[in-house]
Amino acid sequence: MIESISHITLVTSDLSRMSAIVERVLDGREVYDSGDETFSLSRERFFVVGGQWIAVMEGESLPTRTYNHIAFKIPPEALEDYRRRIEALGLEFRESRPRVEGEGASLYFYDHDNHLFELHTGTLEERLERYRQGTKG
């Protein structure tokens, strides 16, 4: 039986650049840095982001960008603060998909390795309730 998500691993061409994103944008706290030792496939760092273990491992960037993404929950009042953090690192925003009122707001951004991240203000319960109401109006 699945208990929860254990961890998320992101492969990056530059550990320091990805670490800056995890720490400065996602409020991640580094808990491990392999340095030159490799217990896994390559050098890696572990972070805790919102209670979730995020592993960042050195390797080749993703060849293309897609809509596959990781979404992190943020409070609505923090949206502009996070926008400034993303802009400060010079990261590229992706236009948000069309939304219906009551679904929450999102900021999407790409890192330098073509990973897409979303910072979202809504919850699953809110989205399901809004969809039950029907029509986009």
C-alpha atoms as a PDB file:
ATOM      1  CA  MET A   1       0.000   0.000   0.000  1.00  0.00           C
ATOM      2  CA  ILE A   2       1.320   3.453  -0.930  1.00  0.00           C
ATOM      3  CA  GLU A   3       1.731   5.634   2.162  1.00  0.00           C
ATOM      4  CA  SER A   4       2.812   8.879   0.501  1.00  0.00           C
ATOM      5  CA  ILE A   5       5.303  10.328  -1.952  1.00  0.00           C
ATOM      6  CA  SER A   6       8.767   9.508  -0.641  1.00  0.00           C
ATOM      7  CA  HIS A   7      10.717  12.111  -2.606  1.00  0.00           C
ATOM      8  CA  ILE A   8      10.996  13.953  -5.893  1.00  0.00           C
ATOM      9  CA  THR A   9      14.282  13.898  -7.817  1.00  0.00           C
ATOM     10  CA  LEU A  10      15.189  16.583 -10.332  1.00  0.00           C
ATOM     11  CA  VAL A  11      18.230  16.211 -12.582  1.00  0.00           C
ATOM     12  CA  THR A  12      20.152  19.419 -13.214  1.00  0.00           C
ATOM     13  CA  SER A  13      23.201  20.470 -15.172  1.00  0.00           C
ATOM     14  CA  ASP A  14      24.197  22.922 -12.414  1.00  0.00           C
ATOM     15  CA  LEU A  15      23.693  21.992  -8.748  1.00  0.00           C
ATOM     16  CA  SER A  16      24.423  25.511  -7.479  1.00  0.00           C
ATOM     17  CA  ARG A  17      21.965  27.187  -9.829  1.00  0.00           C
ATOM     18  CA  MET A  18      19.226  24.670  -8.962  1.00  0.00           C
ATOM     19  CA  SER A  19      20.019  25.002  -5.250  1.00  0.00           C
ATOM     20  CA  ALA A  20      19.428  28.759  -5.526  1.00  0.00           C
ATOM     21  CA  ILE A  21      15.985  28.129  -7.027  1.00  0.00           C
ATOM     22  CA  VAL A  22      15.043  25.589  -4.362  1.00  0.00           C
ATOM     23  CA  GLU A  23      16.265  27.802  -1.530  1.00  0.00           C
ATOM     24  CA  ARG A  24      15.303  31.300  -2.730  1.00  0.00           C
ATOM     25  CA  VAL A  25      12.051  30.608  -4.562  1.00  0.00           C
ATOM     26  CA  LEU A  26      10.703  27.449  -2.911  1.00  0.00           C
ATOM     27  CA  ASP A  27      11.931  28.164   0.646  1.00  0.00           C
ATOM     28  CA  GLY A  28      13.835  24.858   0.632  1.00  0.00           C
ATOM     29  CA  ARG A  29      16.252  23.943   3.386  1.00  0.00           C
ATOM     30  CA  GLU A  30      19.338  21.980   2.347  1.00  0.00           C
ATOM     31  CA  VAL A  31      19.841  18.902   4.522  1.00  0.00           C
ATOM     32  CA  TYR A  32      22.533  17.041   2.552  1.00  0.00           C
ATOM     33  CA  ASP A  33      25.278  17.727   0.009  1.00  0.00           C
ATOM     34  CA  SER A  34      27.225  14.747  -1.322  1.00  0.00           C
ATOM     35  CA  GLY A  35      30.192  16.912  -2.282  1.00  0.00           C
ATOM     36  CA  ASP A  36      32.494  14.791  -4.419  1.00  0.00           C
ATOM     37  CA  GLU A  37      31.183  11.521  -2.964  1.00  0.00           C
ATOM     38  CA  THR A  38      28.513   9.744  -4.945  1.00  0.00           C
ATOM     39  CA  PHE A  39      26.337   7.164  -3.283  1.00  0.00           C
ATOM     40  CA  SER A  40      23.875   7.359  -6.157  1.00  0.00           C
ATOM     41  CA  LEU A  41      24.399   8.094  -9.869  1.00  0.00           C
ATOM     42  CA  SER A  42      26.098  11.484  -9.443  1.00  0.00           C
ATOM     43  CA  ARG A  43      26.649  14.369  -7.048  1.00  0.00           C
ATOM     44  CA  GLU A  44      23.442  15.370  -5.302  1.00  0.00           C
ATOM     45  CA  ARG A  45      21.839  17.601  -2.715  1.00  0.00           C
ATOM     46  CA  PHE A  46      18.740  16.979  -0.630  1.00  0.00           C
ATOM     47  CA  PHE A  47      16.277  19.656   0.436  1.00  0.00           C
ATOM     48  CA  VAL A  48      13.098  19.819   2.454  1.00  0.00           C
ATOM     49  CA  VAL A  49      10.393  21.940   0.815  1.00  0.00           C
ATOM     50  CA  GLY A  50       7.084  22.207   2.633  1.00  0.00           C
ATOM     51  CA  GLY A  51       7.837  18.956   4.453  1.00  0.00           C
ATOM     52  CA  GLN A  52       8.656  17.141   1.169  1.00  0.00           C
ATOM     53  CA  TRP A  53      12.075  15.631   0.388  1.00  0.00           C
ATOM     54  CA  ILE A  54      13.408  17.039  -2.891  1.00  0.00           C
ATOM     55  CA  ALA A  55      16.586  15.495  -4.313  1.00  0.00           C
ATOM     56  CA  VAL A  56      18.622  17.442  -6.856  1.00  0.00           C
ATOM     57  CA  MET A  57      21.125  15.382  -8.855  1.00  0.00           C
ATOM     58  CA  GLU A  58      23.736  16.388 -11.418  1.00  0.00           C
ATOM     59  CA  GLY A  59      23.109  15.266 -14.978  1.00  0.00           C
ATOM     60  CA  GLU A  60      21.880  16.336 -18.386  1.00  0.00           C
ATOM     61  CA  SER A  61      19.070  18.848 -18.739  1.00  0.00           C
ATOM     62  CA  LEU A  62      15.720  17.772 -20.135  1.00  0.00           C
ATOM     63  CA  PRO A  63      15.836  18.160 -23.929  1.00  0.00           C
ATOM     64  CA  THR A  64      12.467  19.952 -24.218  1.00  0.00           C
ATOM     65  CA  ARG A  65       9.881  21.777 -22.196  1.00  0.00           C
ATOM     66  CA  THR A  66       6.497  20.224 -21.506  1.00  0.00           C
ATOM     67  CA  TYR A  67       3.531  20.882 -19.229  1.00  0.00           C
ATOM     68  CA  ASN A  68       4.667  18.116 -16.842  1.00  0.00           C
ATOM     69  CA  HIS A  69       5.252  19.996 -13.609  1.00  0.00           C
ATOM     70  CA  ILE A  70       5.496  20.027  -9.854  1.00  0.00           C
ATOM     71  CA  ALA A  71       3.043  22.324  -8.064  1.00  0.00           C
ATOM     72  CA  PHE A  72       3.624  23.764  -4.607  1.00  0.00           C
ATOM     73  CA  LYS A  73       0.828  25.279  -2.503  1.00  0.00           C
ATOM     74  CA  ILE A  74       1.268  28.909  -1.450  1.00  0.00           C
ATOM     75  CA  PRO A  75      -1.095  31.319   0.317  1.00  0.00           C
ATOM     76  CA  PRO A  76      -2.889  33.787  -1.984  1.00  0.00           C
ATOM     77  CA  GLU A  77      -1.399  36.806  -0.223  1.00  0.00           C
ATOM     78  CA  ALA A  78       2.144  35.584  -1.030  1.00  0.00           C
ATOM     79  CA  LEU A  79       1.657  35.430  -4.815  1.00  0.00           C
ATOM     80  CA  GLU A  80       3.399  38.749  -5.592  1.00  0.00           C
ATOM     81  CA  ASP A  81       6.290  37.988  -3.225  1.00  0.00           C
ATOM     82  CA  TYR A  82       6.937  34.725  -5.085  1.00  0.00           C
ATOM     83  CA  ARG A  83       6.679  36.521  -8.430  1.00  0.00           C
ATOM     84  CA  ARG A  84       9.462  38.878  -7.285  1.00  0.00           C
ATOM     85  CA  ARG A  85      11.629  35.936  -6.152  1.00  0.00           C
ATOM     86  CA  ILE A  86      11.294  34.260  -9.551  1.00  0.00           C
ATOM     87  CA  GLU A  87      12.054  37.499 -11.378  1.00  0.00           C
ATOM     88  CA  ALA A  88      15.115  38.131  -9.149  1.00  0.00           C
ATOM     89  CA  LEU A  89      16.655  34.873 -10.397  1.00  0.00           C
ATOM     90  CA  GLY A  90      15.858  35.726 -14.021  1.00  0.00           C
ATOM     91  CA  LEU A  91      13.714  32.623 -14.485  1.00  0.00           C
ATOM     92  CA  GLU A  92      11.296  32.382 -17.380  1.00  0.00           C
ATOM     93  CA  PHE A  93       7.582  32.523 -16.645  1.00  0.00           C
ATOM     94  CA  ARG A  94       5.149  30.333 -18.542  1.00  0.00           C
ATOM     95  CA  GLU A  95       1.753  31.800 -19.222  1.00  0.00           C
ATOM     96  CA  SER A  96      -0.865  30.337 -16.881  1.00  0.00           C
ATOM     97  CA  ARG A  97      -3.498  28.148 -18.461  1.00  0.00           C
ATOM     98  CA  PRO A  98      -7.032  29.587 -18.646  1.00  0.00           C
ATOM     99  CA  ARG A  99      -8.750  29.350 -15.277  1.00  0.00           C
ATOM    100  CA  VAL A 100     -12.249  29.647 -13.946  1.00  0.00           C
ATOM    101  CA  GLU A 101     -12.989  31.842 -10.953  1.00  0.00           C
ATOM    102  CA  GLY A 102     -12.657  29.983  -7.670  1.00  0.00           C
ATOM    103  CA  GLU A 103      -9.971  27.598  -8.915  1.00  0.00           C
ATOM    104  CA  GLY A 104      -7.020  29.467  -7.403  1.00  0.00           C
ATOM    105  CA  ALA A 105      -4.208  31.408  -9.031  1.00  0.00           C
ATOM    106  CA  SER A 106      -0.869  30.098 -10.291  1.00  0.00           C
ATOM    107  CA  LEU A 107       2.599  31.203 -11.217  1.00  0.00           C
ATOM    108  CA  TYR A 108       4.412  28.870 -13.615  1.00  0.00           C
ATOM    109  CA  PHE A 109       8.149  29.113 -14.250  1.00  0.00           C
ATOM    110  CA  TYR A 110      10.889  27.091 -15.905  1.00  0.00           C
ATOM    111  CA  ASP A 111      14.316  26.453 -14.457  1.00  0.00           C
ATOM    112  CA  HIS A 112      17.467  26.277 -16.584  1.00  0.00           C
ATOM    113  CA  ASP A 113      16.986  22.521 -17.147  1.00  0.00           C
ATOM    114  CA  ASN A 114      13.451  22.761 -18.614  1.00  0.00           C
ATOM    115  CA  HIS A 115      11.638  21.681 -15.425  1.00  0.00           C
ATOM    116  CA  LEU A 116       8.308  23.432 -14.991  1.00  0.00           C
ATOM    117  CA  PHE A 117       7.228  24.524 -11.505  1.00  0.00           C
ATOM    118  CA  GLU A 118       3.873  25.879 -10.408  1.00  0.00           C
ATOM    119  CA  LEU A 119       3.114  27.916  -7.307  1.00  0.00           C
ATOM    120  CA  HIS A 120      -0.620  27.517  -6.726  1.00  0.00           C
ATOM    121  CA  THR A 121      -2.978  29.180  -4.267  1.00  0.00           C
ATOM    122  CA  GLY A 122      -5.847  26.699  -4.460  1.00  0.00           C
ATOM    123  CA  THR A 123      -6.592  23.280  -3.038  1.00  0.00           C
ATOM    124  CA  LEU A 124      -7.967  20.074  -4.514  1.00  0.00           C
ATOM    125  CA  GLU A 125     -11.183  20.508  -2.529  1.00  0.00           C
ATOM    126  CA  GLU A 126     -11.708  24.039  -3.890  1.00  0.00           C
ATOM    127  CA  ARG A 127     -11.093  22.930  -7.454  1.00  0.00           C
ATOM    128  CA  LEU A 128     -13.463  19.956  -7.217  1.00  0.00           C
ATOM    129  CA  GLU A 129     -16.176  22.147  -5.709  1.00  0.00           C
ATOM    130  CA  ARG A 130     -15.769  24.706  -8.488  1.00  0.00           C
ATOM    131  CA  TYR A 131     -15.893  22.015 -11.179  1.00  0.00           C
ATOM    132  CA  ARG A 132     -19.047  20.540  -9.621  1.00  0.00           C
ATOM    133  CA  GLN A 133     -20.699  23.920 -10.156  1.00  0.00           C
ATOM    134  CA  GLY A 134     -20.178  23.513 -13.921  1.00  0.00           C
ATOM    135  CA  THR A 135     -19.944  26.147 -16.641  1.00  0.00           C
ATOM    136  CA  LYS A 136     -16.956  28.409 -16.918  1.00  0.00           C
ATOM    137  CA  GLY A 137     -19.016  31.577 -16.385  1.00  0.00           C
END
